[in-house]
């Protein structure tokens, strides 16, 4: 009986810890979140996954990442990213890339 009481106290403590707002962060801070460039990025890069932070890659890697994502869209029979949006994405990502 005493073991069961300790078990339930432990479970309750874990549940309370899970309610801590700092441990349940659901928002990532992206650079220039109020900009139109961020809106283009968020709109195009959240169809299949959460958009990575621009600092996830150095600037010189982002063009290849964008091309790879474009290929994934085509393979999934989804609409490709518009050329105008690709230019905005590339500028946004390279501006805020790792090492900048």
PDB file of N, CA and C in Angstrom:
ATOM      1  N   UNK A   1       0.823  -1.196   0.000  1.00  0.00           N
ATOM      2  CA  UNK A   1       0.000   0.000   0.000  1.00  0.00           C
ATOM      3  C   UNK A   1       0.865   1.256   0.000  1.00  0.00           C
ATOM      4  N   UNK A   2       1.922   1.220   0.826  1.00  0.00           N
ATOM      5  CA  UNK A   2       2.789   2.387   0.933  1.00  0.00           C
ATOM      6  C   UNK A   2       3.492   2.661  -0.406  1.00  0.00           C
ATOM      7  N   UNK A   3       3.866   1.593  -1.133  1.00  0.00           N
ATOM      8  CA  UNK A   3       4.496   1.746  -2.445  1.00  0.00           C
ATOM      9  C   UNK A   3       3.554   2.417  -3.431  1.00  0.00           C
ATOM     10  N   UNK A   4       2.267   2.072  -3.362  1.00  0.00           N
ATOM     11  CA  UNK A   4       1.283   2.676  -4.255  1.00  0.00           C
ATOM     12  C   UNK A   4       1.135   4.164  -3.965  1.00  0.00           C
ATOM     13  N   UNK A   5       1.184   4.549  -2.696  1.00  0.00           N
ATOM     14  CA  UNK A   5       1.076   5.966  -2.343  1.00  0.00           C
ATOM     15  C   UNK A   5       2.257   6.740  -2.911  1.00  0.00           C
ATOM     16  N   UNK A   6       3.458   6.191  -2.793  1.00  0.00           N
ATOM     17  CA  UNK A   6       4.639   6.860  -3.364  1.00  0.00           C
ATOM     18  C   UNK A   6       4.533   6.962  -4.880  1.00  0.00           C
ATOM     19  N   UNK A   7       3.987   5.922  -5.503  1.00  0.00           N
ATOM     20  CA  UNK A   7       3.807   5.936  -6.951  1.00  0.00           C
ATOM     21  C   UNK A   7       2.888   7.080  -7.364  1.00  0.00           C
ATOM     22  N   UNK A   8       1.750   7.214  -6.700  1.00  0.00           N
ATOM     23  CA  UNK A   8       0.794   8.261  -7.054  1.00  0.00           C
ATOM     24  C   UNK A   8       1.339   9.655  -6.765  1.00  0.00           C
ATOM     25  N   UNK A   9       2.100   9.811  -5.691  1.00  0.00           N
ATOM     26  CA  UNK A   9       2.739  11.097  -5.401  1.00  0.00           C
ATOM     27  C   UNK A   9       3.733  11.433  -6.506  1.00  0.00           C
ATOM     28  N   UNK A  10       4.492  10.437  -6.957  1.00  0.00           N
ATOM     29  CA  UNK A  10       5.458  10.637  -8.046  1.00  0.00           C
ATOM     30  C   UNK A  10       4.775  11.038  -9.340  1.00  0.00           C
ATOM     31  N   UNK A  11       3.676  10.363  -9.657  1.00  0.00           N
ATOM     32  CA  UNK A  11       2.919  10.687 -10.872  1.00  0.00           C
ATOM     33  C   UNK A  11       2.366  12.113 -10.778  1.00  0.00           C
ATOM     34  N   UNK A  12       1.841  12.481  -9.632  1.00  0.00           N
ATOM     35  CA  UNK A  12       1.309  13.835  -9.451  1.00  0.00           C
ATOM     36  C   UNK A  12       2.406  14.872  -9.623  1.00  0.00           C
ATOM     37  N   UNK A  13       3.589  14.599  -9.099  1.00  0.00           N
ATOM     38  CA  UNK A  13       4.709  15.540  -9.239  1.00  0.00           C
ATOM     39  C   UNK A  13       5.097  15.693 -10.704  1.00  0.00           C
ATOM     40  N   UNK A  14       5.103  14.591 -11.443  1.00  0.00           N
ATOM     41  CA  UNK A  14       5.422  14.666 -12.868  1.00  0.00           C
ATOM     42  C   UNK A  14       4.377  15.462 -13.636  1.00  0.00           C
ATOM     43  N   UNK A  15       3.115  15.276 -13.296  1.00  0.00           N
ATOM     44  CA  UNK A  15       2.053  16.021 -13.961  1.00  0.00           C
ATOM     45  C   UNK A  15       2.160  17.511 -13.687  1.00  0.00           C
ATOM     46  N   UNK A  16       2.482  17.873 -12.455  1.00  0.00           N
ATOM     47  CA  UNK A  16       2.658  19.289 -12.136  1.00  0.00           C
ATOM     48  C   UNK A  16       3.849  19.873 -12.876  1.00  0.00           C
ATOM     49  N   UNK A  17       4.923  19.121 -12.987  1.00  0.00           N
ATOM     50  CA  UNK A  17       6.102  19.601 -13.718  1.00  0.00           C
ATOM     51  C   UNK A  17       5.765  19.795 -15.191  1.00  0.00           C
ATOM     52  N   UNK A  18       4.906  18.939 -15.727  1.00  0.00           N
ATOM     53  CA  UNK A  18       4.523  19.062 -17.130  1.00  0.00           C
ATOM     54  C   UNK A  18       3.699  20.309 -17.389  1.00  0.00           C
ATOM     55  N   UNK A  19       3.073  20.854 -16.370  1.00  0.00           N
ATOM     56  CA  UNK A  19       2.259  22.056 -16.527  1.00  0.00           C
ATOM     57  C   UNK A  19       3.086  23.335 -16.466  1.00  0.00           C
ATOM     58  N   UNK A  20       4.353  23.235 -16.134  1.00  0.00           N
ATOM     59  CA  UNK A  20       5.222  24.396 -16.069  1.00  0.00           C
ATOM     60  C   UNK A  20       5.353  24.989 -17.466  1.00  0.00           C
ATOM     61  N   UNK A  21       5.001  26.251 -17.640  1.00  0.00           N
ATOM     62  CA  UNK A  21       5.005  26.895 -18.950  1.00  0.00           C
ATOM     63  C   UNK A  21       6.395  26.907 -19.579  1.00  0.00           C
ATOM     64  N   UNK A  22       7.436  27.043 -18.794  1.00  0.00           N
ATOM     65  CA  UNK A  22       8.771  27.105 -19.365  1.00  0.00           C
ATOM     66  C   UNK A  22       9.208  25.768 -19.953  1.00  0.00           C
ATOM     67  N   UNK A  23       8.677  24.664 -19.463  1.00  0.00           N
ATOM     68  CA  UNK A  23       9.063  23.367 -20.005  1.00  0.00           C
ATOM     69  C   UNK A  23       8.174  22.942 -21.165  1.00  0.00           C
ATOM     70  N   UNK A  24       7.092  23.647 -21.401  1.00  0.00           N
ATOM     71  CA  UNK A  24       6.166  23.328 -22.485  1.00  0.00           C
ATOM     72  C   UNK A  24       6.192  24.401 -23.555  1.00  0.00           C
ATOM     73  N   UNK A  25       7.336  24.857 -23.912  1.00  0.00           N
ATOM     74  CA  UNK A  25       7.451  25.938 -24.876  1.00  0.00           C
ATOM     75  C   UNK A  25       6.915  25.482 -26.226  1.00  0.00           C
ATOM     76  N   UNK A  26       5.977  26.218 -26.771  1.00  0.00           N
ATOM     77  CA  UNK A  26       5.380  25.847 -28.045  1.00  0.00           C
ATOM     78  C   UNK A  26       5.729  26.841 -29.140  1.00  0.00           C
ATOM     79  N   UNK A  27       6.462  27.887 -28.813  1.00  0.00           N
ATOM     80  CA  UNK A  27       6.791  28.913 -29.792  1.00  0.00           C
ATOM     81  C   UNK A  27       8.298  29.074 -29.878  1.00  0.00           C
ATOM     82  N   UNK A  28       8.811  29.084 -31.087  1.00  0.00           N
ATOM     83  CA  UNK A  28      10.225  29.347 -31.312  1.00  0.00           C
ATOM     84  C   UNK A  28      10.350  30.780 -31.802  1.00  0.00           C
ATOM     85  N   UNK A  29      11.322  31.492 -31.302  1.00  0.00           N
ATOM     86  CA  UNK A  29      11.534  32.871 -31.725  1.00  0.00           C
ATOM     87  C   UNK A  29      12.345  32.896 -33.017  1.00  0.00           C
ATOM     88  N   UNK A  30      11.712  33.369 -34.079  1.00  0.00           N
ATOM     89  CA  UNK A  30      12.365  33.525 -35.370  1.00  0.00           C
ATOM     90  C   UNK A  30      12.755  34.983 -35.543  1.00  0.00           C
ATOM     91  N   UNK A  31      13.827  35.258 -36.285  1.00  0.00           N
ATOM     92  CA  UNK A  31      14.184  36.654 -36.529  1.00  0.00           C
ATOM     93  C   UNK A  31      13.142  37.348 -37.404  1.00  0.00           C
ATOM     94  N   UNK A  32      12.910  38.612 -37.124  1.00  0.00           N
ATOM     95  CA  UNK A  32      12.008  39.457 -37.924  1.00  0.00           C
ATOM     96  C   UNK A  32      10.626  38.843 -38.150  1.00  0.00           C
ATOM     97  N   UNK A  33      10.038  38.334 -37.085  1.00  0.00           N
ATOM     98  CA  UNK A  33       8.735  37.664 -37.208  1.00  0.00           C
ATOM     99  C   UNK A  33       7.626  38.571 -37.733  1.00  0.00           C
ATOM    100  N   UNK A  34       7.808  39.856 -37.648  1.00  0.00           N
ATOM    101  CA  UNK A  34       6.775  40.780 -38.124  1.00  0.00           C
ATOM    102  C   UNK A  34       6.960  41.144 -39.595  1.00  0.00           C
ATOM    103  N   UNK A  35       8.019  40.657 -40.226  1.00  0.00           N
ATOM    104  CA  UNK A  35       8.319  41.039 -41.609  1.00  0.00           C
ATOM    105  C   UNK A  35       7.533  40.201 -42.619  1.00  0.00           C
ATOM    106  N   UNK A  36       7.392  40.758 -43.799  1.00  0.00           N
ATOM    107  CA  UNK A  36       6.751  40.023 -44.892  1.00  0.00           C
ATOM    108  C   UNK A  36       7.608  38.825 -45.290  1.00  0.00           C
ATOM    109  N   UNK A  37       8.933  38.974 -45.214  1.00  0.00           N
ATOM    110  CA  UNK A  37       9.827  37.860 -45.561  1.00  0.00           C
ATOM    111  C   UNK A  37       9.585  36.675 -44.630  1.00  0.00           C
ATOM    112  N   UNK A  38       9.415  36.948 -43.336  1.00  0.00           N
ATOM    113  CA  UNK A  38       9.120  35.851 -42.411  1.00  0.00           C
ATOM    114  C   UNK A  38       7.785  35.220 -42.761  1.00  0.00           C
ATOM    115  N   UNK A  39       6.791  36.020 -43.120  1.00  0.00           N
ATOM    116  CA  UNK A  39       5.477  35.465 -43.485  1.00  0.00           C
ATOM    117  C   UNK A  39       5.590  34.536 -44.693  1.00  0.00           C
ATOM    118  N   UNK A  40       6.390  34.919 -45.685  1.00  0.00           N
ATOM    119  CA  UNK A  40       6.609  34.059 -46.853  1.00  0.00           C
ATOM    120  C   UNK A  40       7.288  32.766 -46.410  1.00  0.00           C
ATOM    121  N   UNK A  41       8.283  32.895 -45.543  1.00  0.00           N
ATOM    122  CA  UNK A  41       9.002  31.723 -45.022  1.00  0.00           C
ATOM    123  C   UNK A  41       8.047  30.803 -44.261  1.00  0.00           C
ATOM    124  N   UNK A  42       7.314  31.360 -43.334  1.00  0.00           N
ATOM    125  CA  UNK A  42       6.403  30.547 -42.516  1.00  0.00           C
ATOM    126  C   UNK A  42       5.332  29.871 -43.383  1.00  0.00           C
ATOM    127  N   UNK A  43       4.797  30.601 -44.338  1.00  0.00           N
ATOM    128  CA  UNK A  43       3.745  30.056 -45.198  1.00  0.00           C
ATOM    129  C   UNK A  43       4.276  28.897 -46.056  1.00  0.00           C
ATOM    130  N   UNK A  44       5.447  29.055 -46.619  1.00  0.00           N
ATOM    131  CA  UNK A  44       5.984  28.041 -47.530  1.00  0.00           C
ATOM    132  C   UNK A  44       6.650  26.869 -46.821  1.00  0.00           C
ATOM    133  N   UNK A  45       7.180  27.109 -45.647  1.00  0.00           N
ATOM    134  CA  UNK A  45       7.995  26.075 -45.001  1.00  0.00           C
ATOM    135  C   UNK A  45       7.290  25.380 -43.840  1.00  0.00           C
ATOM    136  N   UNK A  46       5.998  25.540 -43.742  1.00  0.00           N
ATOM    137  CA  UNK A  46       5.275  24.856 -42.670  1.00  0.00           C
ATOM    138  C   UNK A  46       4.235  23.879 -43.215  1.00  0.00           C
ATOM    139  N   UNK A  47       4.261  23.643 -44.498  1.00  0.00           N
ATOM    140  CA  UNK A  47       3.319  22.683 -45.082  1.00  0.00           C
ATOM    141  C   UNK A  47       3.566  21.271 -44.565  1.00  0.00           C
ATOM    142  N   UNK A  48       4.846  20.896 -44.435  1.00  0.00           N
ATOM    143  CA  UNK A  48       5.195  19.519 -44.085  1.00  0.00           C
ATOM    144  C   UNK A  48       5.882  19.386 -42.728  1.00  0.00           C
ATOM    145  N   UNK A  49       6.420  20.477 -42.201  1.00  0.00           N
ATOM    146  CA  UNK A  49       7.192  20.424 -40.959  1.00  0.00           C
ATOM    147  C   UNK A  49       7.283  21.816 -40.359  1.00  0.00           C
ATOM    148  N   UNK A  50       7.733  21.868 -39.137  1.00  0.00           N
ATOM    149  CA  UNK A  50       7.975  23.173 -38.516  1.00  0.00           C
ATOM    150  C   UNK A  50       9.184  23.806 -39.199  1.00  0.00           C
ATOM    151  N   UNK A  51       9.094  25.056 -39.578  1.00  0.00           N
ATOM    152  CA  UNK A  51      10.241  25.692 -40.227  1.00  0.00           C
ATOM    153  C   UNK A  51      11.451  25.723 -39.294  1.00  0.00           C
ATOM    154  N   UNK A  52      12.612  25.340 -39.805  1.00  0.00           N
ATOM    155  CA  UNK A  52      13.805  25.402 -38.960  1.00  0.00           C
ATOM    156  C   UNK A  52      14.216  26.858 -38.742  1.00  0.00           C
ATOM    157  N   UNK A  53      14.944  27.088 -37.689  1.00  0.00           N
ATOM    158  CA  UNK A  53      15.489  28.422 -37.490  1.00  0.00           C
ATOM    159  C   UNK A  53      16.483  28.710 -38.612  1.00  0.00           C
ATOM    160  N   UNK A  54      16.539  29.926 -39.103  1.00  0.00           N
ATOM    161  CA  UNK A  54      17.515  30.260 -40.148  1.00  0.00           C
ATOM    162  C   UNK A  54      18.953  29.955 -39.725  1.00  0.00           C
ATOM    163  N   UNK A  55      19.208  29.991 -38.437  1.00  0.00           N
ATOM    164  CA  UNK A  55      20.555  29.705 -37.942  1.00  0.00           C
ATOM    165  C   UNK A  55      20.887  28.211 -37.947  1.00  0.00           C
ATOM    166  N   UNK A  56      19.979  27.388 -38.450  1.00  0.00           N
ATOM    167  CA  UNK A  56      20.221  25.946 -38.518  1.00  0.00           C
ATOM    168  C   UNK A  56      21.294  25.601 -39.553  1.00  0.00           C
ATOM    169  N   UNK A  57      21.527  26.504 -40.504  1.00  0.00           N
ATOM    170  CA  UNK A  57      22.522  26.275 -41.563  1.00  0.00           C
ATOM    171  C   UNK A  57      23.278  27.561 -41.827  1.00  0.00           C
ATOM    172  N   UNK A  58      24.512  27.435 -42.303  1.00  0.00           N
ATOM    173  CA  UNK A  58      25.217  28.627 -42.778  1.00  0.00           C
ATOM    174  C   UNK A  58      24.586  29.102 -44.090  1.00  0.00           C
ATOM    175  N   UNK A  59      24.809  30.344 -44.421  1.00  0.00           N
ATOM    176  CA  UNK A  59      24.183  30.949 -45.603  1.00  0.00           C
ATOM    177  C   UNK A  59      24.422  30.146 -46.872  1.00  0.00           C
ATOM    178  N   UNK A  60      25.632  29.612 -47.045  1.00  0.00           N
ATOM    179  CA  UNK A  60      25.951  28.911 -48.291  1.00  0.00           C
ATOM    180  C   UNK A  60      25.206  27.583 -48.431  1.00  0.00           C
ATOM    181  N   UNK A  61      24.633  27.049 -47.370  1.00  0.00           N
ATOM    182  CA  UNK A  61      23.875  25.788 -47.442  1.00  0.00           C
ATOM    183  C   UNK A  61      22.400  25.992 -47.795  1.00  0.00           C
ATOM    184  N   UNK A  62      21.861  27.174 -47.506  1.00  0.00           N
ATOM    185  CA  UNK A  62      20.420  27.368 -47.683  1.00  0.00           C
ATOM    186  C   UNK A  62      19.936  27.161 -49.118  1.00  0.00           C
ATOM    187  N   UNK A  63      20.647  27.603 -50.166  1.00  0.00           N
ATOM    188  CA  UNK A  63      20.130  27.340 -51.522  1.00  0.00           C
ATOM    189  C   UNK A  63      19.914  25.846 -51.801  1.00  0.00           C
ATOM    190  N   UNK A  64      20.828  24.999 -51.326  1.00  0.00           N
ATOM    191  CA  UNK A  64      20.655  23.550 -51.514  1.00  0.00           C
ATOM    192  C   UNK A  64      19.489  22.999 -50.700  1.00  0.00           C
ATOM    193  N   UNK A  65      19.304  23.526 -49.500  1.00  0.00           N
ATOM    194  CA  UNK A  65      18.175  23.088 -48.673  1.00  0.00           C
ATOM    195  C   UNK A  65      16.861  23.467 -49.360  1.00  0.00           C
ATOM    196  N   UNK A  66      16.781  24.680 -49.870  1.00  0.00           N
ATOM    197  CA  UNK A  66      15.565  25.128 -50.566  1.00  0.00           C
ATOM    198  C   UNK A  66      15.304  24.240 -51.784  1.00  0.00           C
ATOM    199  N   UNK A  67      16.351  23.940 -52.555  1.00  0.00           N
ATOM    200  CA  UNK A  67      16.187  23.076 -53.733  1.00  0.00           C
ATOM    201  C   UNK A  67      15.711  21.679 -53.335  1.00  0.00           C
ATOM    202  N   UNK A  68      16.266  21.153 -52.241  1.00  0.00           N
ATOM    203  CA  UNK A  68      15.850  19.826 -51.768  1.00  0.00           C
ATOM    204  C   UNK A  68      14.381  19.837 -51.343  1.00  0.00           C
ATOM    205  N   UNK A  69      13.947  20.894 -50.662  1.00  0.00           N
ATOM    206  CA  UNK A  69      12.544  20.990 -50.240  1.00  0.00           C
ATOM    207  C   UNK A  69      11.628  21.121 -51.457  1.00  0.00           C
ATOM    208  N   UNK A  70      12.093  21.843 -52.463  1.00  0.00           N
ATOM    209  CA  UNK A  70      11.316  21.976 -53.700  1.00  0.00           C
ATOM    210  C   UNK A  70      11.126  20.591 -54.329  1.00  0.00           C
ATOM    211  N   UNK A  71      12.170  19.783 -54.324  1.00  0.00           N
ATOM    212  CA  UNK A  71      12.058  18.417 -54.861  1.00  0.00           C
ATOM    213  C   UNK A  71      11.079  17.575 -54.046  1.00  0.00           C
ATOM    214  N   UNK A  72      11.105  17.724 -52.728  1.00  0.00           N
ATOM    215  CA  UNK A  72      10.158  16.987 -51.883  1.00  0.00           C
ATOM    216  C   UNK A  72       8.719  17.368 -52.230  1.00  0.00           C
ATOM    217  N   UNK A  73       8.474  18.642 -52.451  1.00  0.00           N
ATOM    218  CA  UNK A  73       7.121  19.077 -52.813  1.00  0.00           C
ATOM    219  C   UNK A  73       6.672  18.431 -54.119  1.00  0.00           C
ATOM    220  N   UNK A  74       7.547  18.442 -55.099  1.00  0.00           N
ATOM    221  CA  UNK A  74       7.216  17.852 -56.406  1.00  0.00           C
ATOM    222  C   UNK A  74       6.959  16.354 -56.263  1.00  0.00           C
ATOM    223  N   UNK A  75       7.796  15.660 -55.498  1.00  0.00           N
ATOM    224  CA  UNK A  75       7.611  14.218 -55.305  1.00  0.00           C
ATOM    225  C   UNK A  75       6.312  13.899 -54.569  1.00  0.00           C
ATOM    226  N   UNK A  76       5.842  14.832 -53.764  1.00  0.00           N
ATOM    227  CA  UNK A  76       4.581  14.627 -53.041  1.00  0.00           C
ATOM    228  C   UNK A  76       3.383  15.148 -53.825  1.00  0.00           C
ATOM    229  N   UNK A  77       3.618  15.545 -55.055  1.00  0.00           N
ATOM    230  CA  UNK A  77       2.570  16.102 -55.923  1.00  0.00           C
ATOM    231  C   UNK A  77       1.943  17.353 -55.329  1.00  0.00           C
ATOM    232  N   UNK A  78       2.764  18.129 -54.638  1.00  0.00           N
ATOM    233  CA  UNK A  78       2.301  19.395 -54.071  1.00  0.00           C
ATOM    234  C   UNK A  78       2.786  20.530 -54.973  1.00  0.00           C
ATOM    235  N   UNK A  79       2.152  21.667 -54.855  1.00  0.00           N
ATOM    236  CA  UNK A  79       2.555  22.822 -55.653  1.00  0.00           C
ATOM    237  C   UNK A  79       3.955  23.261 -55.241  1.00  0.00           C
ATOM    238  N   UNK A  80       4.812  23.492 -56.225  1.00  0.00           N
ATOM    239  CA  UNK A  80       6.157  23.957 -55.887  1.00  0.00           C
ATOM    240  C   UNK A  80       6.121  25.398 -55.378  1.00  0.00           C
ATOM    241  N   UNK A  81       7.194  25.792 -54.733  1.00  0.00           N
ATOM    242  CA  UNK A  81       7.309  27.162 -54.233  1.00  0.00           C
ATOM    243  C   UNK A  81       7.512  28.082 -55.428  1.00  0.00           C
ATOM    244  N   UNK A  82       6.769  29.168 -55.474  1.00  0.00           N
ATOM    245  CA  UNK A  82       6.879  30.136 -56.567  1.00  0.00           C
ATOM    246  C   UNK A  82       8.275  30.753 -56.584  1.00  0.00           C
ATOM    247  N   UNK A  83       8.765  31.061 -57.783  1.00  0.00           N
ATOM    248  CA  UNK A  83      10.099  31.626 -57.938  1.00  0.00           C
ATOM    249  C   UNK A  83      10.258  32.904 -57.111  1.00  0.00           C
ATOM    250  N   UNK A  84       9.252  33.771 -57.118  1.00  0.00           N
ATOM    251  CA  UNK A  84       9.329  35.019 -56.327  1.00  0.00           C
ATOM    252  C   UNK A  84       9.479  34.699 -54.841  1.00  0.00           C
ATOM    253  N   UNK A  85       8.775  33.683 -54.372  1.00  0.00           N
ATOM    254  CA  UNK A  85       8.883  33.290 -52.964  1.00  0.00           C
ATOM    255  C   UNK A  85      10.248  32.681 -52.662  1.00  0.00           C
ATOM    256  N   UNK A  86      10.803  31.920 -53.603  1.00  0.00           N
ATOM    257  CA  UNK A  86      12.129  31.337 -53.391  1.00  0.00           C
ATOM    258  C   UNK A  86      13.163  32.446 -53.179  1.00  0.00           C
ATOM    259  N   UNK A  87      13.070  33.509 -53.949  1.00  0.00           N
ATOM    260  CA  UNK A  87      14.008  34.620 -53.802  1.00  0.00           C
ATOM    261  C   UNK A  87      13.885  35.267 -52.423  1.00  0.00           C
ATOM    262  N   UNK A  88      12.654  35.422 -51.945  1.00  0.00           N
ATOM    263  CA  UNK A  88      12.421  36.000 -50.619  1.00  0.00           C
ATOM    264  C   UNK A  88      12.928  35.048 -49.544  1.00  0.00           C
ATOM    265  N   UNK A  89      12.629  33.750 -49.692  1.00  0.00           N
ATOM    266  CA  UNK A  89      13.098  32.747 -48.731  1.00  0.00           C
ATOM    267  C   UNK A  89      14.614  32.751 -48.625  1.00  0.00           C
ATOM    268  N   UNK A  90      15.252  32.744 -49.767  1.00  0.00           N
ATOM    269  CA  UNK A  90      16.721  32.695 -49.783  1.00  0.00           C
ATOM    270  C   UNK A  90      17.311  33.924 -49.096  1.00  0.00           C
ATOM    271  N   UNK A  91      16.781  35.079 -49.393  1.00  0.00           N
ATOM    272  CA  UNK A  91      17.280  36.317 -48.768  1.00  0.00           C
ATOM    273  C   UNK A  91      17.060  36.274 -47.253  1.00  0.00           C
ATOM    274  N   UNK A  92      15.875  35.874 -46.822  1.00  0.00           N
ATOM    275  CA  UNK A  92      15.568  35.798 -45.384  1.00  0.00           C
ATOM    276  C   UNK A  92      16.509  34.809 -44.698  1.00  0.00           C
ATOM    277  N   UNK A  93      16.639  33.620 -45.255  1.00  0.00           N
ATOM    278  CA  UNK A  93      17.456  32.573 -44.627  1.00  0.00           C
ATOM    279  C   UNK A  93      18.939  32.936 -44.616  1.00  0.00           C
ATOM    280  N   UNK A  94      19.437  33.477 -45.716  1.00  0.00           N
ATOM    281  CA  UNK A  94      20.852  33.833 -45.761  1.00  0.00           C
ATOM    282  C   UNK A  94      21.169  35.020 -44.852  1.00  0.00           C
ATOM    283  N   UNK A  95      20.238  35.928 -44.720  1.00  0.00           N
ATOM    284  CA  UNK A  95      20.448  37.084 -43.845  1.00  0.00           C
ATOM    285  C   UNK A  95      20.559  36.651 -42.389  1.00  0.00           C
ATOM    286  N   UNK A  96      19.800  35.654 -41.997  1.00  0.00           N
ATOM    287  CA  UNK A  96      19.742  35.225 -40.589  1.00  0.00           C
ATOM    288  C   UNK A  96      20.417  33.871 -40.362  1.00  0.00           C
ATOM    289  N   UNK A  97      21.257  33.450 -41.287  1.00  0.00           N
ATOM    290  CA  UNK A  97      21.904  32.140 -41.227  1.00  0.00           C
ATOM    291  C   UNK A  97      22.915  32.047 -40.092  1.00  0.00           C
ATOM    292  N   UNK A  98      23.344  30.842 -39.822  1.00  0.00           N
ATOM    293  CA  UNK A  98      24.372  30.582 -38.795  1.00  0.00           C
ATOM    294  C   UNK A  98      25.630  31.370 -39.155  1.00  0.00           C
ATOM    295  N   UNK A  99      26.234  31.926 -38.146  1.00  0.00           N
ATOM    296  CA  UNK A  99      27.469  32.661 -38.350  1.00  0.00           C
ATOM    297  C   UNK A  99      27.274  34.109 -38.747  1.00  0.00           C
ATOM    298  N   UNK A 100      26.047  34.565 -38.856  1.00  0.00           N
ATOM    299  CA  UNK A 100      25.779  35.968 -39.226  1.00  0.00           C
ATOM    300  C   UNK A 100      25.637  36.821 -37.999  1.00  0.00           C
TER     301      UNK A 100
END
